[in-house]
């Protein structure tokens, strides 16, 4: 039997990563990465306003660049044997499109308009709109938020739509529909020209857009019109049906087959969010919390349909049948900042040195750049090493992990981080230890929410850059959660998961579980909790909870006073 290959494409926050995998064993034949050029220049973003937008051309160019680079590395024999391609993306990352499904930023007059671009998952410009959705939903006879944890987030589809409609009349007038990034890429690749025929992912629709079989699809139009008349009629221009990622979205269009150098019969799978496909690539098991640790975390847990309770878990990012694995209930949670927390601290330390070094009269420009690069790459590993040797007790410096708000449990993007217990002896390593610990405590609060509502958590599966590069943080997490943590061997679990779904959509495997068994790469490391450290972390976790309660009370009181004025 001749070899069969599939392509998995992972659209992350900063870049797109593509792999070609052998369906026989999941072996990576070739890989390529493309940094979004407009995003790298910080175009269309305003960190002070928590506004983060991405141009669709970054995605289209990255798709073409990485797929063609992979095929060039793999050679013509592999290229001619590619059977399918699937994608995952960040989310909720939606964009307004016209009736043909073209993002408005790709139309004349909207090329430089951030409101016509994809609104990245971590964009928090719609906090006000999310609050209004929550307030209105609370007074309705039907709880349309029950399957998204009971709290709608500013990171999600409808809040972003409403905010954009309010602030940009030109976009509101031109827009016909709104699509998630994970739905648009398959539509683009299959040559779609009628957005009403676009196959929407059950993953995106259920977790972020309030779609549920119980409601007959999306909530009724009068629900959305009651939030704001600007939403009246918008649901009818979206979708009613959704599809799991094991289904094909269609066959690659002649144009894209030519552009990418792929066979004309390549199957394009229905897309999904990165964490959900990443959980499959990481060989998720029922009741094991799968943590995809990147700039933020997405935490995925699956429950077999026969064992799933009809009572929703409150305060998480939703529970949707088939959003991860068909036939299982997919449950999502996460932290709004994880790797971003460490990156923020690194920038904080490096910023003055960068400015001074660039003005140095001793070091030339080239030498200064080399020194800064060396310092940047060595900074966090050095701090991790020093932090691992620090003595600490119940009263040592402590922090909360809300540098980008709180995703779960109980979404609240108004919340901010804080550090407590500083003194003149506090140094960079102590601060780093507190920040790292806070991200582990945030992970613990997610696990506790599942357990408190009757969903057991039997173990942890870790993947992503932080999981593979920081033994210090991973051991701390095992200690804080008091459960074993396995680290998946694959460097590209999200892209590998997409490849597994591609193989399933093409009919190479009968279901995703079979694809996981055949193509999974296994686990490379396992961390076990240190019994001597667990009691101390338990005491510090209780301090974390008390500090968080205080900050939340102060934040909401201040917000109430601001709203009153």
Foldseek 3Di string as FASTA:
>chain_A
DDWAKEKFWEAEDFKIKIFIATLQAQDTQFMDIDGQVCVVVVALADVVLLFDFDAVVSVVVRVLVTLQVRDVSNDDVRQARYAAYAYAYAPPWKAFDAQQLHQPCPPPPNVRPRNSTTGGLLRQNLQVLQVLLLVLQVPDPDNLCQFQQSGAGSSADPSSVVVSVVPDVVSLVRGQAMAGPNQSVLCVQAVGGGQALGAAALQRCFLGVSADVVCQGHPDQVSVVVSPVSSRPHVVSHYRDHDAQLAFRAFGDPVVCVSSVHDRGYTYTRGAHLVLLLCLLLVHDAQAWEWEDDQKIKTKHKAAPVPDDPRGQHQASGWTARRRFHRIIITIHIFSGAVVLVVVLLCVVLVVVLVDLCVDPPDDPVRSVVVSVVCSVCPVVVLLVVLLPDDDFLLAKAKAALCQFGGPRHGDRLFHMDIPRDDPPDDSSSVVNRNLLNSLLSVLRVQVSCVVVPRHRQYYEYEYDCLVPRPSSQLSSQLLNQHKYFYFPDNRSSSSSSRLSGCSNSVVDVTSSVSSVSNHDGTDDMHGHDVVRNVRSVSNSVVNVVVVVVRVVVSVVVVVVVVVD
